[in-house]
Amino acid sequence: MDLKELYLRQRVAAASAAAATSPQAKLSHRELAASYADRIENYDASGEERYSPTHSPQAGIIDDEALSLRALLDPQLATANR
């Protein structure tokens, strides 16, 4: 799975968590989004293809975006980074 797909899936999971009506669903979607954020942050160490052939974002943008997505999911992280 390329990085573009990971970002898409992470955003869908985060949106699903925000829209969830039950605590169990919210937690499940947040955990899924967090696992995608972990995969994004550790992408270089994985054996996955770095970029899709049609999209090659700059490394700094990717790193910043992964951290900001994680901060959206984890309010404690957002306050710790300030």
N, C-alpha and C. Protein backbone atom coordinates (compact mmCIF):
# COMPACT_ATOMS: atom_id res chain seq x y z
N MET A 1 0.85 -1.17 0.00
CA MET A 1 0.00 0.00 0.00
C MET A 1 0.90 1.23 0.00
N ASP A 2 0.61 2.17 -0.88
CA ASP A 2 1.45 3.36 -0.94
C ASP A 2 1.00 4.41 0.09
N LEU A 3 1.81 5.43 0.24
CA LEU A 3 1.58 6.45 1.25
C LEU A 3 0.29 7.21 1.02
N LYS A 4 -0.04 7.47 -0.21
CA LYS A 4 -1.28 8.18 -0.53
C LYS A 4 -2.49 7.40 -0.03
N GLU A 5 -2.49 6.10 -0.21
CA GLU A 5 -3.58 5.24 0.25
C GLU A 5 -3.65 5.22 1.77
N LEU A 6 -2.49 5.19 2.43
CA LEU A 6 -2.49 5.21 3.90
C LEU A 6 -3.11 6.50 4.43
N TYR A 7 -2.75 7.65 3.82
CA TYR A 7 -3.32 8.92 4.24
C TYR A 7 -4.84 8.94 4.04
N LEU A 8 -5.29 8.42 2.91
CA LEU A 8 -6.72 8.39 2.63
C LEU A 8 -7.45 7.55 3.68
N ARG A 9 -6.94 6.36 3.93
CA ARG A 9 -7.59 5.47 4.90
C ARG A 9 -7.56 6.06 6.31
N GLN A 10 -6.48 6.74 6.65
CA GLN A 10 -6.37 7.36 7.97
C GLN A 10 -7.41 8.47 8.12
N ARG A 11 -7.59 9.27 7.08
CA ARG A 11 -8.58 10.36 7.13
C ARG A 11 -10.00 9.82 7.21
N VAL A 12 -10.28 8.76 6.47
CA VAL A 12 -11.62 8.16 6.52
C VAL A 12 -11.90 7.62 7.92
N ALA A 13 -10.93 6.95 8.52
CA ALA A 13 -11.11 6.42 9.87
C ALA A 13 -11.30 7.55 10.88
N ALA A 14 -10.55 8.64 10.74
CA ALA A 14 -10.69 9.78 11.65
C ALA A 14 -12.06 10.43 11.49
N ALA A 15 -12.53 10.57 10.27
CA ALA A 15 -13.86 11.13 10.02
C ALA A 15 -14.95 10.21 10.58
N SER A 16 -14.75 8.92 10.44
CA SER A 16 -15.71 7.96 10.98
C SER A 16 -15.76 8.03 12.50
N ALA A 17 -14.61 8.23 13.12
CA ALA A 17 -14.57 8.38 14.57
C ALA A 17 -15.32 9.62 15.01
N ALA A 18 -15.14 10.71 14.28
CA ALA A 18 -15.82 11.95 14.62
C ALA A 18 -17.34 11.83 14.46
N ALA A 19 -17.78 11.03 13.50
CA ALA A 19 -19.20 10.89 13.21
C ALA A 19 -19.87 9.75 13.98
N ALA A 20 -19.09 8.94 14.67
CA ALA A 20 -19.63 7.77 15.36
C ALA A 20 -20.61 8.20 16.46
N THR A 21 -21.67 7.42 16.61
CA THR A 21 -22.69 7.75 17.61
C THR A 21 -22.54 6.95 18.90
N SER A 22 -21.80 5.86 18.86
CA SER A 22 -21.61 5.08 20.08
C SER A 22 -20.15 5.16 20.52
N PRO A 23 -19.91 5.07 21.82
CA PRO A 23 -18.54 5.11 22.33
C PRO A 23 -17.68 3.98 21.76
N GLN A 24 -18.28 2.79 21.58
CA GLN A 24 -17.52 1.66 21.04
C GLN A 24 -17.08 1.92 19.60
N ALA A 25 -17.98 2.45 18.79
CA ALA A 25 -17.63 2.76 17.40
C ALA A 25 -16.58 3.85 17.33
N LYS A 26 -16.74 4.88 18.16
CA LYS A 26 -15.78 5.98 18.19
C LYS A 26 -14.38 5.46 18.54
N LEU A 27 -14.30 4.62 19.57
CA LEU A 27 -13.02 4.06 19.98
C LEU A 27 -12.41 3.18 18.88
N SER A 28 -13.22 2.37 18.27
CA SER A 28 -12.75 1.47 17.22
C SER A 28 -12.16 2.26 16.05
N HIS A 29 -12.88 3.29 15.61
CA HIS A 29 -12.39 4.10 14.49
C HIS A 29 -11.16 4.91 14.87
N ARG A 30 -11.11 5.40 16.11
CA ARG A 30 -9.91 6.13 16.56
C ARG A 30 -8.69 5.22 16.59
N GLU A 31 -8.87 3.99 17.05
CA GLU A 31 -7.75 3.04 17.08
C GLU A 31 -7.28 2.71 15.68
N LEU A 32 -8.22 2.54 14.75
CA LEU A 32 -7.85 2.27 13.37
C LEU A 32 -7.09 3.46 12.77
N ALA A 33 -7.59 4.67 13.00
CA ALA A 33 -6.91 5.86 12.50
C ALA A 33 -5.51 5.99 13.10
N ALA A 34 -5.38 5.68 14.39
CA ALA A 34 -4.06 5.74 15.04
C ALA A 34 -3.10 4.71 14.45
N SER A 35 -3.63 3.53 14.10
CA SER A 35 -2.74 2.52 13.50
C SER A 35 -2.27 2.97 12.12
N TYR A 36 -3.14 3.64 11.36
CA TYR A 36 -2.71 4.19 10.08
C TYR A 36 -1.68 5.30 10.30
N ALA A 37 -1.87 6.14 11.31
CA ALA A 37 -0.90 7.19 11.60
C ALA A 37 0.47 6.59 11.96
N ASP A 38 0.45 5.49 12.72
CA ASP A 38 1.71 4.80 13.04
C ASP A 38 2.39 4.29 11.78
N ARG A 39 1.61 3.71 10.88
CA ARG A 39 2.19 3.20 9.62
C ARG A 39 2.76 4.35 8.80
N ILE A 40 2.11 5.50 8.81
CA ILE A 40 2.60 6.66 8.06
C ILE A 40 3.92 7.14 8.66
N GLU A 41 3.96 7.25 9.99
CA GLU A 41 5.18 7.73 10.67
C GLU A 41 6.35 6.78 10.47
N ASN A 42 6.10 5.49 10.38
CA ASN A 42 7.16 4.49 10.26
C ASN A 42 7.31 3.96 8.84
N TYR A 43 6.87 4.71 7.89
CA TYR A 43 6.82 4.23 6.51
C TYR A 43 8.20 3.89 5.95
N ASP A 44 9.21 4.68 6.28
CA ASP A 44 10.56 4.41 5.77
C ASP A 44 11.09 3.06 6.24
N ALA A 45 10.76 2.68 7.47
CA ALA A 45 11.26 1.44 8.03
C ALA A 45 10.50 0.23 7.50
N SER A 46 9.33 0.46 6.95
CA SER A 46 8.56 -0.66 6.43
C SER A 46 9.07 -1.06 5.05
N GLY A 47 8.61 -2.16 4.56
CA GLY A 47 9.01 -2.61 3.23
C GLY A 47 8.06 -2.13 2.15
N GLU A 48 7.19 -1.19 2.49
CA GLU A 48 6.18 -0.75 1.54
C GLU A 48 6.76 0.26 0.55
N GLU A 49 6.12 0.35 -0.59
CA GLU A 49 6.50 1.32 -1.61
C GLU A 49 6.30 2.72 -1.05
N ARG A 50 7.27 3.58 -1.23
CA ARG A 50 7.23 4.91 -0.61
C ARG A 50 6.13 5.80 -1.19
N TYR A 51 6.00 5.90 -2.49
CA TYR A 51 5.01 6.78 -3.11
C TYR A 51 4.32 6.06 -4.25
N SER A 52 3.14 6.53 -4.56
CA SER A 52 2.47 6.02 -5.75
C SER A 52 3.18 6.64 -6.96
N PRO A 53 3.08 6.02 -8.12
CA PRO A 53 3.76 6.56 -9.30
C PRO A 53 3.24 7.94 -9.72
N THR A 54 2.01 8.27 -9.35
CA THR A 54 1.43 9.54 -9.79
C THR A 54 1.53 10.65 -8.76
N HIS A 55 1.99 10.33 -7.55
CA HIS A 55 2.02 11.34 -6.50
C HIS A 55 3.31 11.19 -5.70
N SER A 56 4.09 12.25 -5.61
CA SER A 56 5.35 12.20 -4.88
C SER A 56 5.51 13.46 -4.03
N PRO A 57 4.84 13.52 -2.86
CA PRO A 57 4.93 14.71 -2.02
C PRO A 57 6.31 14.87 -1.39
N GLN A 58 6.59 16.07 -0.93
CA GLN A 58 7.87 16.34 -0.28
C GLN A 58 7.89 15.71 1.10
N ALA A 59 9.05 15.24 1.53
CA ALA A 59 9.17 14.54 2.81
C ALA A 59 8.75 15.40 3.99
N GLY A 60 9.09 16.68 4.02
CA GLY A 60 8.72 17.55 5.13
C GLY A 60 7.22 17.68 5.29
N ILE A 61 6.53 17.74 4.19
CA ILE A 61 5.07 17.84 4.23
C ILE A 61 4.48 16.57 4.81
N ILE A 62 5.00 15.44 4.41
CA ILE A 62 4.50 14.15 4.91
C ILE A 62 4.69 14.05 6.41
N ASP A 63 5.88 14.38 6.91
CA ASP A 63 6.16 14.27 8.33
C ASP A 63 5.25 15.20 9.13
N ASP A 64 5.11 16.46 8.69
CA ASP A 64 4.26 17.41 9.39
C ASP A 64 2.81 16.96 9.39
N GLU A 65 2.35 16.45 8.26
CA GLU A 65 0.96 16.05 8.15
C GLU A 65 0.67 14.84 9.05
N ALA A 66 1.59 13.89 9.11
CA ALA A 66 1.38 12.72 9.97
C ALA A 66 1.27 13.15 11.42
N LEU A 67 2.09 14.08 11.86
CA LEU A 67 2.03 14.55 13.24
C LEU A 67 0.74 15.31 13.51
N SER A 68 0.30 16.14 12.55
CA SER A 68 -0.92 16.89 12.76
C SER A 68 -2.13 15.97 12.77
N LEU A 69 -2.13 14.91 11.97
CA LEU A 69 -3.22 13.96 11.98
C LEU A 69 -3.27 13.22 13.31
N ARG A 70 -2.11 12.85 13.82
CA ARG A 70 -2.07 12.16 15.11
C ARG A 70 -2.58 13.11 16.21
N ALA A 71 -2.25 14.39 16.14
CA ALA A 71 -2.70 15.35 17.14
C ALA A 71 -4.22 15.49 17.12
N LEU A 72 -4.83 15.38 15.96
CA LEU A 72 -6.28 15.44 15.87
C LEU A 72 -6.92 14.26 16.60
N LEU A 73 -6.25 13.12 16.54
CA LEU A 73 -6.80 11.91 17.16
C LEU A 73 -6.52 11.84 18.65
N ASP A 74 -5.44 12.45 19.08
CA ASP A 74 -5.02 12.33 20.47
C ASP A 74 -4.86 13.73 21.07
N PRO A 75 -5.88 14.25 21.74
CA PRO A 75 -5.81 15.61 22.29
C PRO A 75 -4.64 15.81 23.25
N GLN A 76 -4.22 14.78 23.97
CA GLN A 76 -3.08 14.92 24.88
C GLN A 76 -1.81 15.20 24.10
N LEU A 77 -1.66 14.59 22.94
CA LEU A 77 -0.49 14.84 22.11
C LEU A 77 -0.50 16.28 21.60
N ALA A 78 -1.65 16.77 21.25
CA ALA A 78 -1.76 18.15 20.74
C ALA A 78 -1.29 19.15 21.77
N THR A 79 -1.64 18.96 23.04
CA THR A 79 -1.21 19.89 24.07
C THR A 79 0.25 19.70 24.44
N ALA A 80 0.78 18.49 24.30
CA ALA A 80 2.18 18.23 24.62
C ALA A 80 3.11 18.86 23.60
N ASN A 81 2.66 19.01 22.34
CA ASN A 81 3.49 19.56 21.27
C ASN A 81 3.48 21.08 21.25
N ARG A 82 2.71 21.70 22.11
CA ARG A 82 2.64 23.19 22.11
C ARG A 82 3.65 23.78 23.03
